[in-house]
Amino acid sequence: MGLFENVLVPIDGSKPSLKALNSAIEIGQMSGAEITILHVIPSVEESAKSRVTAFEKQLERQGQDILNDASTIAKKQKVKFKTSLVKDSPGHAIVRLAKKGKFDHIVMSTTGRGSAQDDMLGSVSNYVVHKSEIPVYLIR
């Protein structure tokens, strides 16, 4: 049983998250680990249902595009991978999936699309670091 076997890598399509994906791919190549590329579609409040539905569909398409691009990168690098698209609060979804999916490590960026400053730890990565029961590798 190796140190790395099942690695979760949440991405949002930002440059920092793609850098984390590349780090996870390197880990997968060196260790033979399978990586799961996760994109979380944030939940949307249900006030004006028709507008919300159209917006959610757009977010879903964007999420699938992000995962398709990540899949292309992973295939070229010949690493074992799968993708997952979920709708939830990003931090909660990452921690929950990490536990449920029996992952041994999380590799993620310190900041992403929602971050205001490059030198601050993003709210999602901060949440994951504090709530995760497994090691979290943060990539700058």
N, C-alpha and C. Protein backbone atom coordinates (compact mmCIF):
# COMPACT_ATOMS: atom_id res chain seq x y z
N MET A 1 0.84 -1.19 0.00
CA MET A 1 0.00 0.00 0.00
C MET A 1 0.88 1.24 0.00
N GLY A 2 0.75 2.08 -1.04
CA GLY A 2 1.60 3.25 -1.16
C GLY A 2 1.06 4.44 -0.39
N LEU A 3 1.91 5.45 -0.31
CA LEU A 3 1.54 6.68 0.39
C LEU A 3 0.40 7.40 -0.33
N PHE A 4 0.49 7.45 -1.66
CA PHE A 4 -0.55 8.09 -2.47
C PHE A 4 -1.26 7.01 -3.29
N GLU A 5 -2.56 6.88 -3.10
CA GLU A 5 -3.33 5.93 -3.89
C GLU A 5 -4.56 6.56 -4.53
N ASN A 6 -5.18 7.49 -3.80
CA ASN A 6 -6.44 8.07 -4.23
C ASN A 6 -6.42 9.56 -3.87
N VAL A 7 -6.15 10.41 -4.85
CA VAL A 7 -5.93 11.84 -4.61
C VAL A 7 -7.10 12.64 -5.18
N LEU A 8 -7.62 13.55 -4.37
CA LEU A 8 -8.71 14.44 -4.79
C LEU A 8 -8.11 15.79 -5.17
N VAL A 9 -8.45 16.29 -6.34
CA VAL A 9 -7.96 17.60 -6.78
C VAL A 9 -9.13 18.46 -7.24
N PRO A 10 -9.60 19.36 -6.36
CA PRO A 10 -10.68 20.26 -6.74
C PRO A 10 -10.15 21.37 -7.64
N ILE A 11 -10.87 21.67 -8.72
CA ILE A 11 -10.45 22.75 -9.62
C ILE A 11 -11.64 23.65 -9.93
N ASP A 12 -11.32 24.91 -10.24
CA ASP A 12 -12.38 25.84 -10.65
C ASP A 12 -12.09 26.47 -12.01
N GLY A 13 -11.02 26.00 -12.67
CA GLY A 13 -10.68 26.53 -13.98
C GLY A 13 -9.70 27.69 -13.93
N SER A 14 -9.41 28.20 -12.74
CA SER A 14 -8.45 29.30 -12.61
C SER A 14 -7.03 28.78 -12.83
N LYS A 15 -6.09 29.69 -13.13
CA LYS A 15 -4.70 29.29 -13.32
C LYS A 15 -4.14 28.60 -12.08
N PRO A 16 -4.38 29.12 -10.86
CA PRO A 16 -3.86 28.41 -9.69
C PRO A 16 -4.42 26.98 -9.56
N SER A 17 -5.70 26.79 -9.88
CA SER A 17 -6.26 25.44 -9.73
C SER A 17 -5.70 24.50 -10.79
N LEU A 18 -5.38 25.01 -11.98
CA LEU A 18 -4.76 24.17 -13.00
C LEU A 18 -3.32 23.83 -12.63
N LYS A 19 -2.66 24.71 -11.90
CA LYS A 19 -1.33 24.42 -11.38
C LYS A 19 -1.42 23.28 -10.35
N ALA A 20 -2.46 23.31 -9.52
CA ALA A 20 -2.68 22.23 -8.56
C ALA A 20 -2.97 20.92 -9.29
N LEU A 21 -3.73 20.98 -10.37
CA LEU A 21 -4.01 19.79 -11.17
C LEU A 21 -2.71 19.20 -11.69
N ASN A 22 -1.82 20.05 -12.22
CA ASN A 22 -0.54 19.56 -12.73
C ASN A 22 0.29 18.92 -11.62
N SER A 23 0.25 19.47 -10.41
CA SER A 23 0.96 18.87 -9.27
C SER A 23 0.37 17.51 -8.93
N ALA A 24 -0.96 17.42 -8.94
CA ALA A 24 -1.62 16.14 -8.66
C ALA A 24 -1.28 15.11 -9.73
N ILE A 25 -1.20 15.54 -10.97
CA ILE A 25 -0.83 14.64 -12.07
C ILE A 25 0.58 14.11 -11.84
N GLU A 26 1.51 14.98 -11.43
CA GLU A 26 2.88 14.53 -11.14
C GLU A 26 2.88 13.49 -10.03
N ILE A 27 2.09 13.72 -9.00
CA ILE A 27 1.98 12.75 -7.90
C ILE A 27 1.45 11.43 -8.44
N GLY A 28 0.42 11.51 -9.27
CA GLY A 28 -0.15 10.30 -9.86
C GLY A 28 0.85 9.55 -10.72
N GLN A 29 1.65 10.28 -11.48
CA GLN A 29 2.65 9.64 -12.33
C GLN A 29 3.73 8.95 -11.50
N MET A 30 4.16 9.60 -10.42
CA MET A 30 5.24 9.05 -9.60
C MET A 30 4.78 7.88 -8.73
N SER A 31 3.54 7.95 -8.28
CA SER A 31 3.07 6.97 -7.29
C SER A 31 2.10 5.93 -7.85
N GLY A 32 1.57 6.19 -9.05
CA GLY A 32 0.55 5.30 -9.59
C GLY A 32 -0.83 5.56 -9.01
N ALA A 33 -0.96 6.66 -8.27
CA ALA A 33 -2.25 7.00 -7.66
C ALA A 33 -3.26 7.40 -8.72
N GLU A 34 -4.53 7.15 -8.41
CA GLU A 34 -5.61 7.66 -9.26
C GLU A 34 -6.00 9.02 -8.72
N ILE A 35 -6.19 9.99 -9.62
CA ILE A 35 -6.65 11.29 -9.17
C ILE A 35 -8.10 11.49 -9.59
N THR A 36 -8.85 12.11 -8.73
CA THR A 36 -10.23 12.49 -9.03
C THR A 36 -10.27 14.00 -9.15
N ILE A 37 -10.62 14.46 -10.33
CA ILE A 37 -10.70 15.89 -10.61
C ILE A 37 -12.13 16.33 -10.31
N LEU A 38 -12.27 17.21 -9.33
CA LEU A 38 -13.58 17.64 -8.86
C LEU A 38 -13.84 19.09 -9.21
N HIS A 39 -15.03 19.35 -9.73
CA HIS A 39 -15.49 20.72 -9.89
C HIS A 39 -16.81 20.84 -9.15
N VAL A 40 -16.91 21.88 -8.30
CA VAL A 40 -18.12 22.09 -7.52
C VAL A 40 -18.86 23.29 -8.07
N ILE A 41 -20.13 23.06 -8.41
CA ILE A 41 -21.00 24.15 -8.84
C ILE A 41 -21.64 24.71 -7.57
N PRO A 42 -21.38 25.99 -7.27
CA PRO A 42 -21.97 26.54 -6.05
C PRO A 42 -23.50 26.54 -6.11
N SER A 43 -24.11 26.25 -4.98
CA SER A 43 -25.58 26.28 -4.90
C SER A 43 -26.07 27.71 -5.09
N VAL A 44 -27.21 27.84 -5.74
CA VAL A 44 -27.79 29.15 -6.01
C VAL A 44 -29.10 29.27 -5.23
N GLU A 45 -29.32 30.44 -4.64
CA GLU A 45 -30.57 30.69 -3.92
C GLU A 45 -31.76 30.59 -4.88
N GLU A 46 -32.86 30.06 -4.42
CA GLU A 46 -34.03 29.88 -5.28
C GLU A 46 -35.06 30.98 -5.06
N SER A 47 -34.80 32.16 -5.63
CA SER A 47 -35.78 33.24 -5.50
C SER A 47 -36.60 33.38 -6.78
N ALA A 48 -35.95 33.67 -7.87
CA ALA A 48 -36.64 33.76 -9.16
C ALA A 48 -36.30 32.48 -9.92
N LYS A 49 -37.12 31.46 -9.77
CA LYS A 49 -36.81 30.11 -10.24
C LYS A 49 -36.38 30.02 -11.70
N SER A 50 -37.05 30.71 -12.61
CA SER A 50 -36.69 30.58 -14.03
C SER A 50 -35.30 31.13 -14.30
N ARG A 51 -34.96 32.25 -13.69
CA ARG A 51 -33.61 32.81 -13.86
C ARG A 51 -32.58 31.90 -13.20
N VAL A 52 -32.90 31.37 -12.04
CA VAL A 52 -31.99 30.48 -11.32
C VAL A 52 -31.70 29.24 -12.16
N THR A 53 -32.73 28.65 -12.74
CA THR A 53 -32.56 27.44 -13.54
C THR A 53 -31.64 27.70 -14.73
N ALA A 54 -31.83 28.82 -15.42
CA ALA A 54 -30.98 29.16 -16.56
C ALA A 54 -29.54 29.38 -16.09
N PHE A 55 -29.38 30.06 -14.97
CA PHE A 55 -28.05 30.32 -14.42
C PHE A 55 -27.37 29.02 -14.00
N GLU A 56 -28.12 28.14 -13.35
CA GLU A 56 -27.57 26.85 -12.93
C GLU A 56 -27.13 26.02 -14.13
N LYS A 57 -27.93 26.05 -15.19
CA LYS A 57 -27.56 25.31 -16.41
C LYS A 57 -26.26 25.88 -17.00
N GLN A 58 -26.11 27.19 -16.97
CA GLN A 58 -24.89 27.82 -17.46
C GLN A 58 -23.70 27.39 -16.60
N LEU A 59 -23.87 27.41 -15.27
CA LEU A 59 -22.79 26.98 -14.37
C LEU A 59 -22.42 25.52 -14.60
N GLU A 60 -23.43 24.70 -14.86
CA GLU A 60 -23.20 23.28 -15.12
C GLU A 60 -22.40 23.09 -16.41
N ARG A 61 -22.77 23.83 -17.47
CA ARG A 61 -22.02 23.76 -18.74
C ARG A 61 -20.58 24.21 -18.54
N GLN A 62 -20.41 25.31 -17.82
CA GLN A 62 -19.05 25.81 -17.56
C GLN A 62 -18.25 24.77 -16.76
N GLY A 63 -18.88 24.17 -15.77
CA GLY A 63 -18.21 23.15 -14.97
C GLY A 63 -17.80 21.96 -15.80
N GLN A 64 -18.68 21.54 -16.70
CA GLN A 64 -18.35 20.40 -17.57
C GLN A 64 -17.22 20.76 -18.52
N ASP A 65 -17.20 22.01 -19.01
CA ASP A 65 -16.11 22.46 -19.87
C ASP A 65 -14.77 22.45 -19.11
N ILE A 66 -14.81 22.90 -17.86
CA ILE A 66 -13.60 22.90 -17.02
C ILE A 66 -13.09 21.47 -16.85
N LEU A 67 -14.01 20.54 -16.57
CA LEU A 67 -13.61 19.14 -16.39
C LEU A 67 -13.13 18.52 -17.71
N ASN A 68 -13.73 18.88 -18.82
CA ASN A 68 -13.28 18.38 -20.12
C ASN A 68 -11.85 18.84 -20.42
N ASP A 69 -11.57 20.12 -20.14
CA ASP A 69 -10.21 20.63 -20.34
C ASP A 69 -9.22 19.91 -19.43
N ALA A 70 -9.60 19.70 -18.18
CA ALA A 70 -8.73 19.00 -17.23
C ALA A 70 -8.51 17.55 -17.67
N SER A 71 -9.55 16.91 -18.19
CA SER A 71 -9.44 15.53 -18.69
C SER A 71 -8.44 15.45 -19.83
N THR A 72 -8.48 16.42 -20.72
CA THR A 72 -7.54 16.46 -21.84
C THR A 72 -6.10 16.52 -21.32
N ILE A 73 -5.87 17.36 -20.32
CA ILE A 73 -4.53 17.49 -19.72
C ILE A 73 -4.11 16.16 -19.10
N ALA A 74 -5.00 15.54 -18.31
CA ALA A 74 -4.67 14.29 -17.63
C ALA A 74 -4.41 13.15 -18.62
N LYS A 75 -5.22 13.08 -19.68
CA LYS A 75 -5.03 12.03 -20.70
C LYS A 75 -3.66 12.15 -21.35
N LYS A 76 -3.26 13.38 -21.68
CA LYS A 76 -1.96 13.60 -22.33
C LYS A 76 -0.82 13.16 -21.41
N GLN A 77 -1.02 13.27 -20.11
CA GLN A 77 0.02 12.92 -19.14
C GLN A 77 -0.03 11.44 -18.74
N LYS A 78 -1.01 10.72 -19.29
CA LYS A 78 -1.15 9.28 -19.05
C LYS A 78 -1.20 8.94 -17.55
N VAL A 79 -2.11 9.59 -16.86
CA VAL A 79 -2.31 9.32 -15.45
C VAL A 79 -3.72 8.75 -15.27
N LYS A 80 -3.90 7.88 -14.27
CA LYS A 80 -5.24 7.35 -13.97
C LYS A 80 -6.06 8.47 -13.34
N PHE A 81 -7.26 8.70 -13.90
CA PHE A 81 -8.08 9.78 -13.34
C PHE A 81 -9.55 9.51 -13.61
N LYS A 82 -10.36 10.22 -12.86
CA LYS A 82 -11.79 10.29 -13.13
C LYS A 82 -12.22 11.70 -12.76
N THR A 83 -13.42 12.07 -13.19
CA THR A 83 -13.91 13.41 -12.90
C THR A 83 -15.21 13.33 -12.11
N SER A 84 -15.50 14.40 -11.42
CA SER A 84 -16.74 14.48 -10.64
C SER A 84 -17.24 15.92 -10.67
N LEU A 85 -18.53 16.08 -10.93
CA LEU A 85 -19.17 17.39 -10.94
C LEU A 85 -20.30 17.34 -9.92
N VAL A 86 -20.22 18.20 -8.90
CA VAL A 86 -21.25 18.21 -7.87
C VAL A 86 -21.75 19.62 -7.65
N LYS A 87 -22.95 19.74 -7.11
CA LYS A 87 -23.55 21.03 -6.80
C LYS A 87 -23.66 21.13 -5.28
N ASP A 88 -22.97 22.12 -4.70
CA ASP A 88 -22.94 22.25 -3.24
C ASP A 88 -22.09 23.48 -2.91
N SER A 89 -21.91 23.72 -1.63
CA SER A 89 -20.93 24.71 -1.19
C SER A 89 -19.55 24.09 -1.41
N PRO A 90 -18.64 24.77 -2.11
CA PRO A 90 -17.37 24.14 -2.47
C PRO A 90 -16.59 23.52 -1.31
N GLY A 91 -16.39 24.26 -0.23
CA GLY A 91 -15.63 23.72 0.90
C GLY A 91 -16.28 22.48 1.49
N HIS A 92 -17.59 22.55 1.71
CA HIS A 92 -18.30 21.39 2.26
C HIS A 92 -18.23 20.18 1.33
N ALA A 93 -18.40 20.43 0.05
CA ALA A 93 -18.39 19.33 -0.93
C ALA A 93 -17.03 18.65 -0.95
N ILE A 94 -15.95 19.42 -0.92
CA ILE A 94 -14.60 18.85 -0.96
C ILE A 94 -14.35 17.99 0.26
N VAL A 95 -14.65 18.51 1.44
CA VAL A 95 -14.42 17.75 2.68
C VAL A 95 -15.29 16.50 2.72
N ARG A 96 -16.55 16.63 2.35
CA ARG A 96 -17.47 15.48 2.37
C ARG A 96 -17.02 14.39 1.39
N LEU A 97 -16.67 14.81 0.16
CA LEU A 97 -16.24 13.83 -0.84
C LEU A 97 -14.92 13.17 -0.44
N ALA A 98 -14.02 13.95 0.15
CA ALA A 98 -12.74 13.39 0.58
C ALA A 98 -12.96 12.26 1.57
N LYS A 99 -13.91 12.44 2.46
CA LYS A 99 -14.20 11.42 3.47
C LYS A 99 -14.96 10.24 2.85
N LYS A 100 -16.02 10.55 2.12
CA LYS A 100 -16.88 9.51 1.53
C LYS A 100 -16.13 8.68 0.49
N GLY A 101 -15.28 9.33 -0.30
CA GLY A 101 -14.57 8.65 -1.38
C GLY A 101 -13.30 7.95 -0.94
N LYS A 102 -13.02 7.97 0.35
CA LYS A 102 -11.83 7.31 0.90
C LYS A 102 -10.55 7.79 0.22
N PHE A 103 -10.44 9.09 0.06
CA PHE A 103 -9.22 9.69 -0.50
C PHE A 103 -8.16 9.73 0.58
N ASP A 104 -6.89 9.67 0.16
CA ASP A 104 -5.82 9.76 1.14
C ASP A 104 -5.15 11.13 1.16
N HIS A 105 -5.35 11.94 0.11
CA HIS A 105 -4.78 13.29 0.05
C HIS A 105 -5.66 14.20 -0.81
N ILE A 106 -5.58 15.49 -0.49
CA ILE A 106 -6.22 16.52 -1.31
C ILE A 106 -5.11 17.43 -1.80
N VAL A 107 -5.12 17.73 -3.10
CA VAL A 107 -4.18 18.69 -3.68
C VAL A 107 -5.01 19.80 -4.28
N MET A 108 -4.82 21.03 -3.80
CA MET A 108 -5.63 22.14 -4.28
C MET A 108 -4.84 23.44 -4.24
N SER A 109 -5.35 24.43 -4.96
CA SER A 109 -4.69 25.73 -4.97
C SER A 109 -5.07 26.53 -3.72
N THR A 110 -4.21 27.48 -3.36
CA THR A 110 -4.49 28.33 -2.21
C THR A 110 -5.56 29.35 -2.53
N THR A 111 -5.65 29.72 -3.80
CA THR A 111 -6.67 30.69 -4.21
C THR A 111 -7.28 30.23 -5.52
N GLY A 112 -8.43 30.77 -5.81
CA GLY A 112 -9.12 30.41 -7.05
C GLY A 112 -9.87 31.59 -7.59
N ARG A 113 -10.92 31.31 -8.33
CA ARG A 113 -11.71 32.37 -8.96
C ARG A 113 -12.32 33.33 -7.95
N GLY A 114 -12.69 32.85 -6.79
CA GLY A 114 -13.38 33.69 -5.82
C GLY A 114 -12.46 34.50 -4.93
N SER A 115 -11.14 34.38 -5.10
CA SER A 115 -10.21 35.05 -4.20
C SER A 115 -9.92 36.47 -4.65
N ALA A 116 -9.84 37.36 -3.68
CA ALA A 116 -9.62 38.77 -3.98
C ALA A 116 -8.14 39.10 -4.11
N GLN A 117 -7.30 38.43 -3.31
CA GLN A 117 -5.88 38.76 -3.34
C GLN A 117 -5.04 37.50 -3.47
N ASP A 118 -3.95 37.62 -4.23
CA ASP A 118 -3.09 36.47 -4.46
C ASP A 118 -2.36 35.99 -3.22
N ASP A 119 -2.07 36.90 -2.27
CA ASP A 119 -1.28 36.51 -1.12
C ASP A 119 -2.12 36.04 0.07
N MET A 120 -3.41 35.96 -0.10
CA MET A 120 -4.28 35.48 0.97
C MET A 120 -4.70 34.05 0.70
N LEU A 121 -4.92 33.30 1.78
CA LEU A 121 -5.44 31.95 1.64
C LEU A 121 -6.93 32.08 1.34
N GLY A 122 -7.39 31.47 0.27
CA GLY A 122 -8.79 31.57 -0.12
C GLY A 122 -9.71 30.94 0.92
N SER A 123 -10.95 31.36 0.94
CA SER A 123 -11.89 30.86 1.94
C SER A 123 -12.15 29.37 1.79
N VAL A 124 -12.19 28.86 0.55
CA VAL A 124 -12.43 27.43 0.35
C VAL A 124 -11.24 26.62 0.84
N SER A 125 -10.03 27.01 0.43
CA SER A 125 -8.85 26.26 0.87
C SER A 125 -8.67 26.37 2.38
N ASN A 126 -8.97 27.52 2.95
CA ASN A 126 -8.90 27.69 4.41
C ASN A 126 -9.86 26.73 5.11
N TYR A 127 -11.09 26.66 4.61
CA TYR A 127 -12.09 25.76 5.18
C TYR A 127 -11.61 24.31 5.09
N VAL A 128 -11.13 23.90 3.92
CA VAL A 128 -10.70 22.52 3.71
C VAL A 128 -9.53 22.16 4.63
N VAL A 129 -8.55 23.06 4.74
CA VAL A 129 -7.40 22.81 5.61
C VAL A 129 -7.85 22.56 7.05
N HIS A 130 -8.82 23.33 7.51
CA HIS A 130 -9.25 23.21 8.90
C HIS A 130 -10.23 22.07 9.16
N LYS A 131 -10.96 21.64 8.14
CA LYS A 131 -11.99 20.62 8.34
C LYS A 131 -11.61 19.23 7.84
N SER A 132 -10.61 19.15 6.99
CA SER A 132 -10.24 17.86 6.39
C SER A 132 -9.59 16.94 7.44
N GLU A 133 -9.88 15.66 7.32
CA GLU A 133 -9.27 14.66 8.19
C GLU A 133 -8.07 14.00 7.51
N ILE A 134 -7.78 14.40 6.28
CA ILE A 134 -6.64 13.86 5.55
C ILE A 134 -5.69 14.99 5.17
N PRO A 135 -4.45 14.69 4.81
CA PRO A 135 -3.50 15.75 4.44
C PRO A 135 -4.00 16.55 3.23
N VAL A 136 -3.78 17.86 3.31
CA VAL A 136 -4.14 18.79 2.24
C VAL A 136 -2.86 19.47 1.78
N TYR A 137 -2.55 19.33 0.50
CA TYR A 137 -1.38 19.98 -0.09
C TYR A 137 -1.86 21.21 -0.83
N LEU A 138 -1.37 22.38 -0.41
CA LEU A 138 -1.77 23.63 -1.04
C LEU A 138 -0.71 24.07 -2.03
N ILE A 139 -1.14 24.37 -3.23
CA ILE A 139 -0.24 24.78 -4.31
C ILE A 139 -0.44 26.26 -4.59
N ARG A 140 0.65 27.02 -4.57
CA ARG A 140 0.58 28.47 -4.86
C ARG A 140 0.84 28.71 -6.32
